[in-house]
Amino acid sequence: MDTMTSAADDIDALSYEQARDELVRVVNALEQGASSLEESLALWERGEALARRCEEWLIGAKARLDAARAGQVDSAASAG
C-alpha cells in the first residue's frame, strides 16, 4: 500500500469531529507560515482531504435528517 492510499484510508476512518479538529490544526500550521514549501503543499493536500471528509459527514447527516423529517411528514399524513 502506498503512502497516498494509506493517508486516504486514515482520513476515511476519522469521525467528523476528528477530521474537523485535525483540519483546524492544519489550517493553523499553514497560517503560521513556518513550513517549507514541500511541507506546506503536504499540509494543504491533507487539509483538502480532511475538508472533503467533513463535507461527506455533513452531507450524510443532512440526508439522515431529511429522511427523518420525511418520515414524520408521512406519519402525520397517515394519521390525519
PDB file of N, CA and C in Angstrom:
ATOM      1  N   MET A   1       0.852  -1.177   0.000  1.00  0.00           N
ATOM      2  CA  MET A   1       0.000   0.000   0.000  1.00  0.00           C
ATOM      3  C   MET A   1       0.898   1.241   0.000  1.00  0.00           C
ATOM      4  N   ASP A   2       0.636   2.205  -0.869  1.00  0.00           N
ATOM      5  CA  ASP A   2       1.481   3.385  -0.912  1.00  0.00           C
ATOM      6  C   ASP A   2       1.023   4.424   0.110  1.00  0.00           C
ATOM      7  N   THR A   3       1.812   5.462   0.273  1.00  0.00           N
ATOM      8  CA  THR A   3       1.548   6.472   1.290  1.00  0.00           C
ATOM      9  C   THR A   3       0.244   7.208   1.039  1.00  0.00           C
ATOM     10  N   MET A   4      -0.046   7.530  -0.228  1.00  0.00           N
ATOM     11  CA  MET A   4      -1.276   8.246  -0.549  1.00  0.00           C
ATOM     12  C   MET A   4      -2.501   7.419  -0.192  1.00  0.00           C
ATOM     13  N   THR A   5      -2.464   6.128  -0.486  1.00  0.00           N
ATOM     14  CA  THR A   5      -3.596   5.258  -0.182  1.00  0.00           C
ATOM     15  C   THR A   5      -3.773   5.125   1.318  1.00  0.00           C
ATOM     16  N   SER A   6      -2.686   4.934   2.051  1.00  0.00           N
ATOM     17  CA  SER A   6      -2.808   4.789   3.495  1.00  0.00           C
ATOM     18  C   SER A   6      -3.267   6.092   4.134  1.00  0.00           C
ATOM     19  N   ALA A   7      -2.849   7.235   3.601  1.00  0.00           N
ATOM     20  CA  ALA A   7      -3.311   8.518   4.120  1.00  0.00           C
ATOM     21  C   ALA A   7      -4.798   8.693   3.865  1.00  0.00           C
ATOM     22  N   ALA A   8      -5.262   8.295   2.686  1.00  0.00           N
ATOM     23  CA  ALA A   8      -6.687   8.386   2.369  1.00  0.00           C
ATOM     24  C   ALA A   8      -7.492   7.450   3.259  1.00  0.00           C
ATOM     25  N   ASP A   9      -6.985   6.240   3.482  1.00  0.00           N
ATOM     26  CA  ASP A   9      -7.669   5.299   4.371  1.00  0.00           C
ATOM     27  C   ASP A   9      -7.734   5.857   5.785  1.00  0.00           C
ATOM     28  N   ASP A  10      -6.648   6.492   6.209  1.00  0.00           N
ATOM     29  CA  ASP A  10      -6.582   7.105   7.530  1.00  0.00           C
ATOM     30  C   ASP A  10      -7.675   8.163   7.667  1.00  0.00           C
ATOM     31  N   ILE A  11      -7.830   9.003   6.678  1.00  0.00           N
ATOM     32  CA  ILE A  11      -8.838  10.061   6.716  1.00  0.00           C
ATOM     33  C   ILE A  11     -10.239   9.469   6.656  1.00  0.00           C
ATOM     34  N   ASP A  12     -10.441   8.446   5.853  1.00  0.00           N
ATOM     35  CA  ASP A  12     -11.755   7.812   5.744  1.00  0.00           C
ATOM     36  C   ASP A  12     -12.231   7.230   7.068  1.00  0.00           C
ATOM     37  N   ALA A  13     -11.302   6.891   7.951  1.00  0.00           N
ATOM     38  CA  ALA A  13     -11.656   6.291   9.238  1.00  0.00           C
ATOM     39  C   ALA A  13     -11.986   7.336  10.307  1.00  0.00           C
ATOM     40  N   LEU A  14     -11.779   8.614  10.005  1.00  0.00           N
ATOM     41  CA  LEU A  14     -11.990   9.660  11.001  1.00  0.00           C
ATOM     42  C   LEU A  14     -13.464   9.999  11.179  1.00  0.00           C
ATOM     43  N   SER A  15     -13.835  10.286  12.416  1.00  0.00           N
ATOM     44  CA  SER A  15     -15.166  10.825  12.680  1.00  0.00           C
ATOM     45  C   SER A  15     -15.186  12.280  12.208  1.00  0.00           C
ATOM     46  N   TYR A  16     -16.368  12.867  12.174  1.00  0.00           N
ATOM     47  CA  TYR A  16     -16.474  14.270  11.779  1.00  0.00           C
ATOM     48  C   TYR A  16     -15.625  15.147  12.702  1.00  0.00           C
ATOM     49  N   GLU A  17     -15.772  14.933  13.998  1.00  0.00           N
ATOM     50  CA  GLU A  17     -15.065  15.758  14.971  1.00  0.00           C
ATOM     51  C   GLU A  17     -13.553  15.612  14.848  1.00  0.00           C
ATOM     52  N   GLN A  18     -13.084  14.386  14.627  1.00  0.00           N
ATOM     53  CA  GLN A  18     -11.646  14.162  14.460  1.00  0.00           C
ATOM     54  C   GLN A  18     -11.129  14.870  13.209  1.00  0.00           C
ATOM     55  N   ALA A  19     -11.859  14.741  12.108  1.00  0.00           N
ATOM     56  CA  ALA A  19     -11.448  15.384  10.856  1.00  0.00           C
ATOM     57  C   ALA A  19     -11.465  16.900  10.997  1.00  0.00           C
ATOM     58  N   ARG A  20     -12.505  17.426  11.638  1.00  0.00           N
ATOM     59  CA  ARG A  20     -12.615  18.876  11.824  1.00  0.00           C
ATOM     60  C   ARG A  20     -11.472  19.396  12.685  1.00  0.00           C
ATOM     61  N   ASP A  21     -11.189  18.706  13.791  1.00  0.00           N
ATOM     62  CA  ASP A  21     -10.120  19.152  14.687  1.00  0.00           C
ATOM     63  C   ASP A  21      -8.758  19.116  13.996  1.00  0.00           C
ATOM     64  N   GLU A  22      -8.513  18.065  13.224  1.00  0.00           N
ATOM     65  CA  GLU A  22      -7.236  17.994  12.507  1.00  0.00           C
ATOM     66  C   GLU A  22      -7.169  19.072  11.432  1.00  0.00           C
ATOM     67  N   LEU A  23      -8.290  19.340  10.776  1.00  0.00           N
ATOM     68  CA  LEU A  23      -8.326  20.393   9.762  1.00  0.00           C
ATOM     69  C   LEU A  23      -7.977  21.745  10.385  1.00  0.00           C
ATOM     70  N   VAL A  24      -8.496  22.010  11.566  1.00  0.00           N
ATOM     71  CA  VAL A  24      -8.167  23.256  12.269  1.00  0.00           C
ATOM     72  C   VAL A  24      -6.664  23.326  12.544  1.00  0.00           C
ATOM     73  N   ARG A  25      -6.080  22.217  12.968  1.00  0.00           N
ATOM     74  CA  ARG A  25      -4.630  22.189  13.226  1.00  0.00           C
ATOM     75  C   ARG A  25      -3.839  22.433  11.938  1.00  0.00           C
ATOM     76  N   VAL A  26      -4.289  21.842  10.840  1.00  0.00           N
ATOM     77  CA  VAL A  26      -3.610  22.027   9.551  1.00  0.00           C
ATOM     78  C   VAL A  26      -3.676  23.490   9.125  1.00  0.00           C
ATOM     79  N   VAL A  27      -4.846  24.088   9.235  1.00  0.00           N
ATOM     80  CA  VAL A  27      -5.001  25.498   8.854  1.00  0.00           C
ATOM     81  C   VAL A  27      -4.102  26.378   9.720  1.00  0.00           C
ATOM     82  N   ASN A  28      -4.083  26.113  11.019  1.00  0.00           N
ATOM     83  CA  ASN A  28      -3.216  26.894  11.911  1.00  0.00           C
ATOM     84  C   ASN A  28      -1.752  26.760  11.518  1.00  0.00           C
ATOM     85  N   ALA A  29      -1.326  25.548  11.187  1.00  0.00           N
ATOM     86  CA  ALA A  29       0.065  25.328  10.776  1.00  0.00           C
ATOM     87  C   ALA A  29       0.374  26.097   9.496  1.00  0.00           C
ATOM     88  N   LEU A  30      -0.559  26.088   8.552  1.00  0.00           N
ATOM     89  CA  LEU A  30      -0.346  26.819   7.300  1.00  0.00           C
ATOM     90  C   LEU A  30      -0.307  28.328   7.544  1.00  0.00           C
ATOM     91  N   GLU A  31      -1.165  28.806   8.435  1.00  0.00           N
ATOM     92  CA  GLU A  31      -1.200  30.238   8.723  1.00  0.00           C
ATOM     93  C   GLU A  31       0.072  30.719   9.413  1.00  0.00           C
ATOM     94  N   GLN A  32       0.744  29.838  10.139  1.00  0.00           N
ATOM     95  CA  GLN A  32       2.000  30.208  10.801  1.00  0.00           C
ATOM     96  C   GLN A  32       3.082  30.527   9.780  1.00  0.00           C
ATOM     97  N   GLY A  33       3.029  29.854   8.626  1.00  0.00           N
ATOM     98  CA  GLY A  33       3.978  30.133   7.556  1.00  0.00           C
ATOM     99  C   GLY A  33       5.404  29.675   7.831  1.00  0.00           C
ATOM    100  N   ALA A  34       5.594  28.818   8.814  1.00  0.00           N
ATOM    101  CA  ALA A  34       6.941  28.378   9.179  1.00  0.00           C
ATOM    102  C   ALA A  34       7.378  27.125   8.425  1.00  0.00           C
ATOM    103  N   SER A  35       6.487  26.528   7.660  1.00  0.00           N
ATOM    104  CA  SER A  35       6.797  25.278   6.962  1.00  0.00           C
ATOM    105  C   SER A  35       7.494  25.557   5.637  1.00  0.00           C
ATOM    106  N   SER A  36       8.262  24.568   5.198  1.00  0.00           N
ATOM    107  CA  SER A  36       8.875  24.661   3.874  1.00  0.00           C
ATOM    108  C   SER A  36       7.780  24.545   2.815  1.00  0.00           C
ATOM    109  N   LEU A  37       8.134  24.825   1.593  1.00  0.00           N
ATOM    110  CA  LEU A  37       7.167  24.717   0.504  1.00  0.00           C
ATOM    111  C   LEU A  37       6.615  23.299   0.421  1.00  0.00           C
ATOM    112  N   GLU A  38       7.499  22.313   0.486  1.00  0.00           N
ATOM    113  CA  GLU A  38       7.069  20.910   0.393  1.00  0.00           C
ATOM    114  C   GLU A  38       6.138  20.543   1.549  1.00  0.00           C
ATOM    115  N   GLU A  39       6.486  20.967   2.751  1.00  0.00           N
ATOM    116  CA  GLU A  39       5.632  20.699   3.911  1.00  0.00           C
ATOM    117  C   GLU A  39       4.290  21.412   3.771  1.00  0.00           C
ATOM    118  N   SER A  40       4.319  22.636   3.281  1.00  0.00           N
ATOM    119  CA  SER A  40       3.081  23.398   3.085  1.00  0.00           C
ATOM    120  C   SER A  40       2.167  22.720   2.075  1.00  0.00           C
ATOM    121  N   LEU A  41       2.753  22.218   0.993  1.00  0.00           N
ATOM    122  CA  LEU A  41       1.950  21.504  -0.006  1.00  0.00           C
ATOM    123  C   LEU A  41       1.332  20.241   0.587  1.00  0.00           C
ATOM    124  N   ALA A  42       2.108  19.509   1.372  1.00  0.00           N
ATOM    125  CA  ALA A  42       1.588  18.297   2.010  1.00  0.00           C
ATOM    126  C   ALA A  42       0.468  18.645   2.990  1.00  0.00           C
ATOM    127  N   LEU A  43       0.653  19.722   3.750  1.00  0.00           N
ATOM    128  CA  LEU A  43      -0.397  20.159   4.675  1.00  0.00           C
ATOM    129  C   LEU A  43      -1.649  20.570   3.913  1.00  0.00           C
ATOM    130  N   TRP A  44      -1.469  21.321   2.832  1.00  0.00           N
ATOM    131  CA  TRP A  44      -2.611  21.767   2.039  1.00  0.00           C
ATOM    132  C   TRP A  44      -3.376  20.569   1.479  1.00  0.00           C
ATOM    133  N   GLU A  45      -2.646  19.584   0.941  1.00  0.00           N
ATOM    134  CA  GLU A  45      -3.303  18.390   0.399  1.00  0.00           C
ATOM    135  C   GLU A  45      -4.057  17.642   1.491  1.00  0.00           C
ATOM    136  N   ARG A  46      -3.454  17.515   2.658  1.00  0.00           N
ATOM    137  CA  ARG A  46      -4.130  16.848   3.779  1.00  0.00           C
ATOM    138  C   ARG A  46      -5.362  17.654   4.183  1.00  0.00           C
ATOM    139  N   GLY A  47      -5.226  18.962   4.225  1.00  0.00           N
ATOM    140  CA  GLY A  47      -6.360  19.817   4.569  1.00  0.00           C
ATOM    141  C   GLY A  47      -7.514  19.660   3.593  1.00  0.00           C
ATOM    142  N   GLU A  48      -7.203  19.590   2.314  1.00  0.00           N
ATOM    143  CA  GLU A  48      -8.250  19.381   1.305  1.00  0.00           C
ATOM    144  C   GLU A  48      -8.964  18.052   1.537  1.00  0.00           C
ATOM    145  N   ALA A  49      -8.204  17.008   1.816  1.00  0.00           N
ATOM    146  CA  ALA A  49      -8.795  15.690   2.059  1.00  0.00           C
ATOM    147  C   ALA A  49      -9.642  15.708   3.330  1.00  0.00           C
ATOM    148  N   LEU A  50      -9.174  16.392   4.353  1.00  0.00           N
ATOM    149  CA  LEU A  50      -9.940  16.495   5.598  1.00  0.00           C
ATOM    150  C   LEU A  50     -11.231  17.281   5.379  1.00  0.00           C
ATOM    151  N   ALA A  51     -11.154  18.349   4.600  1.00  0.00           N
ATOM    152  CA  ALA A  51     -12.351  19.139   4.300  1.00  0.00           C
ATOM    153  C   ALA A  51     -13.376  18.300   3.543  1.00  0.00           C
ATOM    154  N   ARG A  52     -12.906  17.481   2.597  1.00  0.00           N
ATOM    155  CA  ARG A  52     -13.822  16.588   1.872  1.00  0.00           C
ATOM    156  C   ARG A  52     -14.477  15.599   2.830  1.00  0.00           C
ATOM    157  N   ARG A  53     -13.698  15.074   3.772  1.00  0.00           N
ATOM    158  CA  ARG A  53     -14.242  14.121   4.744  1.00  0.00           C
ATOM    159  C   ARG A  53     -15.308  14.789   5.603  1.00  0.00           C
ATOM    160  N   CYS A  54     -15.055  16.001   6.049  1.00  0.00           N
ATOM    161  CA  CYS A  54     -16.056  16.735   6.828  1.00  0.00           C
ATOM    162  C   CYS A  54     -17.319  16.955   6.005  1.00  0.00           C
ATOM    163  N   GLU A  55     -17.138  17.315   4.744  1.00  0.00           N
ATOM    164  CA  GLU A  55     -18.292  17.533   3.872  1.00  0.00           C
ATOM    165  C   GLU A  55     -19.094  16.245   3.694  1.00  0.00           C
ATOM    166  N   GLU A  56     -18.407  15.114   3.547  1.00  0.00           N
ATOM    167  CA  GLU A  56     -19.108  13.827   3.436  1.00  0.00           C
ATOM    168  C   GLU A  56     -19.962  13.564   4.669  1.00  0.00           C
ATOM    169  N   TRP A  57     -19.388  13.818   5.844  1.00  0.00           N
ATOM    170  CA  TRP A  57     -20.140  13.623   7.084  1.00  0.00           C
ATOM    171  C   TRP A  57     -21.361  14.543   7.130  1.00  0.00           C
ATOM    172  N   LEU A  58     -21.181  15.802   6.752  1.00  0.00           N
ATOM    173  CA  LEU A  58     -22.291  16.754   6.802  1.00  0.00           C
ATOM    174  C   LEU A  58     -23.384  16.403   5.799  1.00  0.00           C
ATOM    175  N   ILE A  59     -22.998  15.959   4.616  1.00  0.00           N
ATOM    176  CA  ILE A  59     -23.983  15.532   3.618  1.00  0.00           C
ATOM    177  C   ILE A  59     -24.756  14.328   4.137  1.00  0.00           C
ATOM    178  N   GLY A  60     -24.052  13.383   4.749  1.00  0.00           N
ATOM    179  CA  GLY A  60     -24.709  12.211   5.323  1.00  0.00           C
ATOM    180  C   GLY A  60     -25.661  12.584   6.447  1.00  0.00           C
ATOM    181  N   ALA A  61     -25.242  13.513   7.297  1.00  0.00           N
ATOM    182  CA  ALA A  61     -26.106  13.957   8.394  1.00  0.00           C
ATOM    183  C   ALA A  61     -27.353  14.646   7.850  1.00  0.00           C
ATOM    184  N   LYS A  62     -27.180  15.468   6.820  1.00  0.00           N
ATOM    185  CA  LYS A  62     -28.334  16.149   6.216  1.00  0.00           C
ATOM    186  C   LYS A  62     -29.296  15.139   5.614  1.00  0.00           C
ATOM    187  N   ALA A  63     -28.768  14.124   4.949  1.00  0.00           N
ATOM    188  CA  ALA A  63     -29.627  13.091   4.354  1.00  0.00           C
ATOM    189  C   ALA A  63     -30.417  12.362   5.435  1.00  0.00           C
ATOM    190  N   ARG A  64     -29.766  12.065   6.554  1.00  0.00           N
ATOM    191  CA  ARG A  64     -30.464  11.392   7.655  1.00  0.00           C
ATOM    192  C   ARG A  64     -31.560  12.280   8.235  1.00  0.00           C
ATOM    193  N   LEU A  65     -31.267  13.570   8.391  1.00  0.00           N
ATOM    194  CA  LEU A  65     -32.283  14.496   8.906  1.00  0.00           C
ATOM    195  C   LEU A  65     -33.443  14.636   7.929  1.00  0.00           C
ATOM    196  N   ASP A  66     -33.126  14.746   6.646  1.00  0.00           N
ATOM    197  CA  ASP A  66     -34.182  14.844   5.635  1.00  0.00           C
ATOM    198  C   ASP A  66     -35.062  13.604   5.647  1.00  0.00           C
ATOM    199  N   ALA A  67     -34.450  12.428   5.775  1.00  0.00           N
ATOM    200  CA  ALA A  67     -35.214  11.181   5.815  1.00  0.00           C
ATOM    201  C   ALA A  67     -36.089  11.127   7.059  1.00  0.00           C
ATOM    202  N   ALA A  68     -35.559  11.579   8.187  1.00  0.00           N
ATOM    203  CA  ALA A  68     -36.343  11.581   9.425  1.00  0.00           C
ATOM    204  C   ALA A  68     -37.522  12.539   9.310  1.00  0.00           C
ATOM    205  N   ARG A  69     -37.276  13.705   8.737  1.00  0.00           N
ATOM    206  CA  ARG A  69     -38.372  14.669   8.549  1.00  0.00           C
ATOM    207  C   ARG A  69     -39.421  14.120   7.598  1.00  0.00           C
ATOM    208  N   ALA A  70     -38.985  13.488   6.528  1.00  0.00           N
ATOM    209  CA  ALA A  70     -39.927  12.908   5.564  1.00  0.00           C
ATOM    210  C   ALA A  70     -40.759  11.830   6.245  1.00  0.00           C
ATOM    211  N   GLY A  71     -40.140  11.041   7.106  1.00  0.00           N
ATOM    212  CA  GLY A  71     -40.864  10.012   7.847  1.00  0.00           C
ATOM    213  C   GLY A  71     -41.893  10.615   8.779  1.00  0.00           C
ATOM    214  N   GLN A  72     -41.564  11.741   9.401  1.00  0.00           N
ATOM    215  CA  GLN A  72     -42.511  12.418  10.284  1.00  0.00           C
ATOM    216  C   GLN A  72     -43.685  12.974   9.497  1.00  0.00           C
ATOM    217  N   VAL A  73     -43.405  13.526   8.331  1.00  0.00           N
ATOM    218  CA  VAL A  73     -44.470  14.070   7.483  1.00  0.00           C
ATOM    219  C   VAL A  73     -45.379  12.943   7.015  1.00  0.00           C
ATOM    220  N   ASP A  74     -44.788  11.817   6.599  1.00  0.00           N
ATOM    221  CA  ASP A  74     -45.578  10.666   6.161  1.00  0.00           C
ATOM    222  C   ASP A  74     -46.439  10.135   7.295  1.00  0.00           C
ATOM    223  N   SER A  75     -45.892  10.071   8.501  1.00  0.00           N
ATOM    224  CA  SER A  75     -46.648   9.583   9.656  1.00  0.00           C
ATOM    225  C   SER A  75     -47.792  10.522   9.983  1.00  0.00           C
ATOM    226  N   ALA A  76     -47.535  11.812   9.917  1.00  0.00           N
ATOM    227  CA  ALA A  76     -48.576  12.793  10.214  1.00  0.00           C
ATOM    228  C   ALA A  76     -49.672  12.746   9.157  1.00  0.00           C
ATOM    229  N   ALA A  77     -49.304  12.563   7.903  1.00  0.00           N
ATOM    230  CA  ALA A  77     -50.294  12.493   6.826  1.00  0.00           C
ATOM    231  C   ALA A  77     -51.146  11.240   6.965  1.00  0.00           C
ATOM    232  N   SER A  78     -50.537  10.135   7.362  1.00  0.00           N
ATOM    233  CA  SER A  78     -51.277   8.884   7.535  1.00  0.00           C
ATOM    234  C   SER A  78     -52.219   8.966   8.722  1.00  0.00           C
ATOM    235  N   ALA A  79     -51.812   9.667   9.774  1.00  0.00           N
ATOM    236  CA  ALA A  79     -52.631   9.770  10.985  1.00  0.00           C
ATOM    237  C   ALA A  79     -53.764  10.770  10.800  1.00  0.00           C
ATOM    238  N   GLY A  80     -53.575  11.724   9.912  1.00  0.00           N
ATOM    239  CA  GLY A  80     -54.542  12.813   9.764  1.00  0.00           C
ATOM    240  C   GLY A  80     -55.576  12.497   8.805  1.00  0.00           C
TER     241      GLY A  80
END
